[in-house]
C-alpha atoms as a PDB file:
ATOM      1  CA  MET A   1       0.047   0.190   0.075  1.00  0.00           C
ATOM      2  CA  THR A   2       1.648   3.339  -0.989  1.00  0.00           C
ATOM      3  CA  GLN A   3       0.742   6.754   0.363  1.00  0.00           C
ATOM      4  CA  ILE A   4       1.822  10.239   0.108  1.00  0.00           C
ATOM      5  CA  ALA A   5       3.437  11.620   3.636  1.00  0.00           C
ATOM      6  CA  THR A   6       5.139  14.439   4.851  1.00  0.00           C
ATOM      7  CA  VAL A   7       8.308  14.351   6.635  1.00  0.00           C
ATOM      8  CA  GLU A   8       8.017  15.998  10.063  1.00  0.00           C
ATOM      9  CA  LYS A   9      11.494  15.847  11.476  1.00  0.00           C
ATOM     10  CA  LEU A  10      14.795  14.027  11.134  1.00  0.00           C
ATOM     11  CA  LEU A  11      15.470  11.856  14.251  1.00  0.00           C
ATOM     12  CA  ASP A  12      19.045  10.629  14.255  1.00  0.00           C
ATOM     13  CA  GLY A  13      20.557  11.228  10.792  1.00  0.00           C
ATOM     14  CA  VAL A  14      19.216   7.624   9.715  1.00  0.00           C
ATOM     15  CA  TYR A  15      15.613   7.747  10.504  1.00  0.00           C
ATOM     16  CA  ALA A  16      13.038  10.290  10.036  1.00  0.00           C
ATOM     17  CA  GLU A  17       9.450  11.024  11.425  1.00  0.00           C
ATOM     18  CA  ILE A  18       6.610  11.081   8.827  1.00  0.00           C
ATOM     19  CA  ALA A  19       2.943  12.085   9.207  1.00  0.00           C
ATOM     20  CA  VAL A  20       0.582   9.933   6.992  1.00  0.00           C
ATOM     21  CA  PRO A  21      -2.964  11.261   6.559  1.00  0.00           C
ATOM     22  CA  ARG A  22      -5.401   8.956   8.044  1.00  0.00           C
ATOM     23  CA  LYS A  23      -7.879   7.640   5.259  1.00  0.00           C
ATOM     24  CA  SER A  24     -11.632   7.192   5.929  1.00  0.00           C
ATOM     25  CA  ALA A  25     -14.404   5.977   4.051  1.00  0.00           C
ATOM     26  CA  CYS A  26     -16.148   9.251   3.532  1.00  0.00           C
ATOM     27  CA  GLY A  27     -13.254  10.782   1.489  1.00  0.00           C
ATOM     28  CA  HIS A  28     -13.441  13.939   3.631  1.00  0.00           C
ATOM     29  CA  ASP A  29     -15.363  15.959   0.769  1.00  0.00           C
ATOM     30  CA  CYS A  30     -16.945  18.102   3.690  1.00  0.00           C
ATOM     31  CA  GLU A  31     -18.543  20.565   1.359  1.00  0.00           C
ATOM     32  CA  GLN A  32     -20.828  17.714   0.280  1.00  0.00           C
ATOM     33  CA  CYS A  33     -21.624  16.360   3.790  1.00  0.00           C
ATOM     34  CA  ALA A  34     -23.360  17.598   6.977  1.00  0.00           C
ATOM     35  CA  GLY A  35     -20.131  17.286   8.721  1.00  0.00           C
ATOM     36  CA  CYS A  36     -19.060  14.426  10.781  1.00  0.00           C
ATOM     37  CA  GLY A  37     -16.551  16.306  12.955  1.00  0.00           C
ATOM     38  CA  VAL A  38     -13.546  14.181  11.899  1.00  0.00           C
ATOM     39  CA  THR A  39     -10.605  16.259  10.986  1.00  0.00           C
ATOM     40  CA  GLY A  40      -7.670  15.107   8.881  1.00  0.00           C
ATOM     41  CA  ALA A  41      -5.657  13.438  11.759  1.00  0.00           C
ATOM     42  CA  SER A  42      -2.591  11.886  10.832  1.00  0.00           C
ATOM     43  CA  VAL A  43      -0.587   8.846  11.809  1.00  0.00           C
ATOM     44  CA  HIS A  44       2.999   9.533  12.874  1.00  0.00           C
ATOM     45  CA  ALA A  45       5.610   6.658  12.014  1.00  0.00           C
ATOM     46  CA  ARG A  46       9.393   6.337  12.071  1.00  0.00           C
ATOM     47  CA  VAL A  47      10.994   5.431   8.862  1.00  0.00           C
ATOM     48  CA  LYS A  48      14.469   4.870   7.336  1.00  0.00           C
ATOM     49  CA  ASN A  49      15.501   7.892   5.501  1.00  0.00           C
ATOM     50  CA  ASP A  50      17.772   6.282   2.594  1.00  0.00           C
ATOM     51  CA  LEU A  51      16.824   8.927   0.184  1.00  0.00           C
ATOM     52  CA  GLY A  52      17.676  11.994   2.302  1.00  0.00           C
ATOM     53  CA  ALA A  53      14.268  13.512   2.757  1.00  0.00           C
ATOM     54  CA  VAL A  54      14.399  16.972   4.523  1.00  0.00           C
ATOM     55  CA  PRO A  55      11.479  18.151   7.096  1.00  0.00           C
ATOM     56  CA  GLY A  56       8.449  19.651   5.252  1.00  0.00           C
ATOM     57  CA  GLN A  57       9.057  17.295   1.987  1.00  0.00           C
ATOM     58  CA  LYS A  58       6.424  15.172   0.625  1.00  0.00           C
ATOM     59  CA  VAL A  59       7.368  11.487   0.193  1.00  0.00           C
ATOM     60  CA  VAL A  60       5.676   8.483  -1.196  1.00  0.00           C
ATOM     61  CA  VAL A  61       5.915   5.743   1.474  1.00  0.00           C
ATOM     62  CA  GLU A  62       4.883   2.252   1.259  1.00  0.00           C
ATOM     63  CA  SER A  63       3.764  -0.418   3.846  1.00  0.00           C
ATOM     64  CA  SER A  64       3.145  -4.184   3.727  1.00  0.00           C
ATOM     65  CA  THR A  65      -0.466  -4.604   2.162  1.00  0.00           C
ATOM     66  CA  ARG A  66      -0.519  -8.138   3.973  1.00  0.00           C
ATOM     67  CA  SER A  67       0.263  -6.524   7.194  1.00  0.00           C
ATOM     68  CA  MET A  68      -2.480  -3.950   6.775  1.00  0.00           C
ATOM     69  CA  LEU A  69      -5.064  -6.327   5.793  1.00  0.00           C
ATOM     70  CA  GLY A  70      -4.118  -8.526   8.670  1.00  0.00           C
ATOM     71  CA  ILE A  71      -4.896  -5.830  11.225  1.00  0.00           C
ATOM     72  CA  VAL A  72      -8.013  -4.838   9.435  1.00  0.00           C
ATOM     73  CA  GLY A  73      -9.116  -8.508   9.700  1.00  0.00           C
ATOM     74  CA  LEU A  74      -8.105  -8.583  13.447  1.00  0.00           C
ATOM     75  CA  VAL A  75      -9.842  -5.051  14.260  1.00  0.00           C
ATOM     76  CA  TYR A  76     -13.096  -5.581  12.352  1.00  0.00           C
ATOM     77  CA  LEU A  77     -13.689  -9.364  11.524  1.00  0.00           C
ATOM     78  CA  VAL A  78     -12.511 -11.178  14.635  1.00  0.00           C
ATOM     79  CA  PRO A  79     -15.011  -9.242  17.176  1.00  0.00           C
ATOM     80  CA  ILE A  80     -17.845  -9.673  14.835  1.00  0.00           C
ATOM     81  CA  ALA A  81     -16.898 -13.600  14.326  1.00  0.00           C
ATOM     82  CA  LEU A  82     -16.613 -13.862  18.196  1.00  0.00           C
ATOM     83  CA  PHE A  83     -20.100 -12.195  18.545  1.00  0.00           C
ATOM     84  CA  LEU A  84     -21.766 -14.441  16.119  1.00  0.00           C
ATOM     85  CA  LEU A  85     -20.059 -17.522  17.431  1.00  0.00           C
ATOM     86  CA  GLY A  86     -20.934 -16.792  21.009  1.00  0.00           C
ATOM     87  CA  TYR A  87     -24.614 -16.264  19.974  1.00  0.00           C
ATOM     88  CA  PHE A  88     -25.084 -19.344  17.625  1.00  0.00           C
ATOM     89  CA  LEU A  89     -23.036 -21.946  19.523  1.00  0.00           C
ATOM     90  CA  THR A  90     -24.808 -21.561  22.852  1.00  0.00           C
ATOM     91  CA  GLY A  91     -28.323 -21.782  21.322  1.00  0.00           C
ATOM     92  CA  GLY A  92     -29.232 -25.016  23.047  1.00  0.00           C
ATOM     93  CA  LEU A  93     -27.391 -24.148  26.210  1.00  0.00           C
ATOM     94  CA  PHE A  94     -28.633 -20.886  27.333  1.00  0.00           C
ATOM     95  CA  SER A  95     -31.896 -18.490  27.372  1.00  0.00           C
ATOM     96  CA  GLU A  96     -31.894 -15.666  24.785  1.00  0.00           C
ATOM     97  CA  SER A  97     -30.332 -13.339  27.488  1.00  0.00           C
ATOM     98  CA  GLY A  98     -27.628 -15.695  28.054  1.00  0.00           C
ATOM     99  CA  ARG A  99     -26.839 -16.120  24.412  1.00  0.00           C
ATOM    100  CA  TYR A 100     -26.625 -12.397  24.136  1.00  0.00           C
ATOM    101  CA  LEU A 101     -24.295 -12.324  27.134  1.00  0.00           C
ATOM    102  CA  THR A 102     -21.972 -14.712  25.699  1.00  0.00           C
ATOM    103  CA  ALA A 103     -22.000 -13.005  22.421  1.00  0.00           C
ATOM    104  CA  GLY A 104     -21.251  -9.592  24.134  1.00  0.00           C
ATOM    105  CA  ILE A 105     -18.445 -11.572  25.866  1.00  0.00           C
ATOM    106  CA  GLY A 106     -17.065 -12.886  22.612  1.00  0.00           C
ATOM    107  CA  PHE A 107     -17.219  -9.269  21.025  1.00  0.00           C
ATOM    108  CA  ALA A 108     -15.403  -7.916  24.119  1.00  0.00           C
ATOM    109  CA  ALA A 109     -12.701 -10.633  23.663  1.00  0.00           C
ATOM    110  CA  GLY A 110     -12.215  -9.675  20.062  1.00  0.00           C
ATOM    111  CA  ILE A 111     -11.675  -6.005  20.904  1.00  0.00           C
ATOM    112  CA  GLY A 112      -9.291  -7.112  23.737  1.00  0.00           C
ATOM    113  CA  LEU A 113      -7.282  -9.173  21.278  1.00  0.00           C
ATOM    114  CA  ALA A 114      -7.053  -6.142  19.010  1.00  0.00           C
ATOM    115  CA  VAL A 115      -5.937  -3.892  21.735  1.00  0.00           C
ATOM    116  CA  LEU A 116      -3.224  -6.525  22.977  1.00  0.00           C
ATOM    117  CA  TYR A 117      -2.085  -6.773  19.363  1.00  0.00           C
ATOM    118  CA  ASP A 118      -1.783  -3.094  19.005  1.00  0.00           C
ATOM    119  CA  ARG A 119       0.515  -2.815  22.107  1.00  0.00           C
ATOM    120  CA  LYS A 120       2.644  -5.519  20.797  1.00  0.00           C
ATOM    121  CA  LEU A 121       2.883  -3.736  17.421  1.00  0.00           C
ATOM    122  CA  ARG A 122       3.699  -0.391  19.120  1.00  0.00           C
ATOM    123  CA  SER A 123       6.380  -2.106  21.263  1.00  0.00           C
ATOM    124  CA  ARG A 124       8.043  -3.276  17.991  1.00  0.00           C
ATOM    125  CA  GLY A 125       8.019   0.190  16.557  1.00  0.00           C
ATOM    126  CA  GLY A 126       4.558   0.198  15.005  1.00  0.00           C
ATOM    127  CA  LEU A 127       3.701  -0.497  11.170  1.00  0.00           C
ATOM    128  CA  ALA A 128       6.805  -0.636   9.180  1.00  0.00           C
ATOM    129  CA  PHE A 129       6.832   2.195   6.286  1.00  0.00           C
ATOM    130  CA  SER A 130       9.696   2.801   3.656  1.00  0.00           C
ATOM    131  CA  ILE A 131      10.218   5.739   1.643  1.00  0.00           C
ATOM    132  CA  VAL A 132      10.004   4.814  -2.051  1.00  0.00           C
ATOM    133  CA  ARG A 133      10.439   8.158  -3.723  1.00  0.00           C
ATOM    134  CA  LEU A 134      10.632  11.872  -3.066  1.00  0.00           C
ATOM    135  CA  LEU A 135       7.984  14.261  -4.498  1.00  0.00           C
END
């Protein structure tokens, strides 16, 4: 996955901090919308600065599409799958309220897994970006 980012600052001569604009489904065409209140927040990441980018410069960065899809699956699909499993697999065991309770516990467990993975990913330095070219 390639994106355009802005170099924020140089860190130690080899690395730089970049700001990647966060993408959303709405496309931020705010003139055509009632307004969701979302501003153009950025994700900050540390990248190896092999091409010699300077602060303020726009660069094209690339991240692993496979890693990104794995994260998306973990954050969005796993909680829903655990919710549905909790509901349908306990059909003969509990009343309707018990089924909803186990489904809610499954959903919370899915969110918990996503939070734990996020912490692990942050401790390893976050999602890896690399500068492909300067703009």
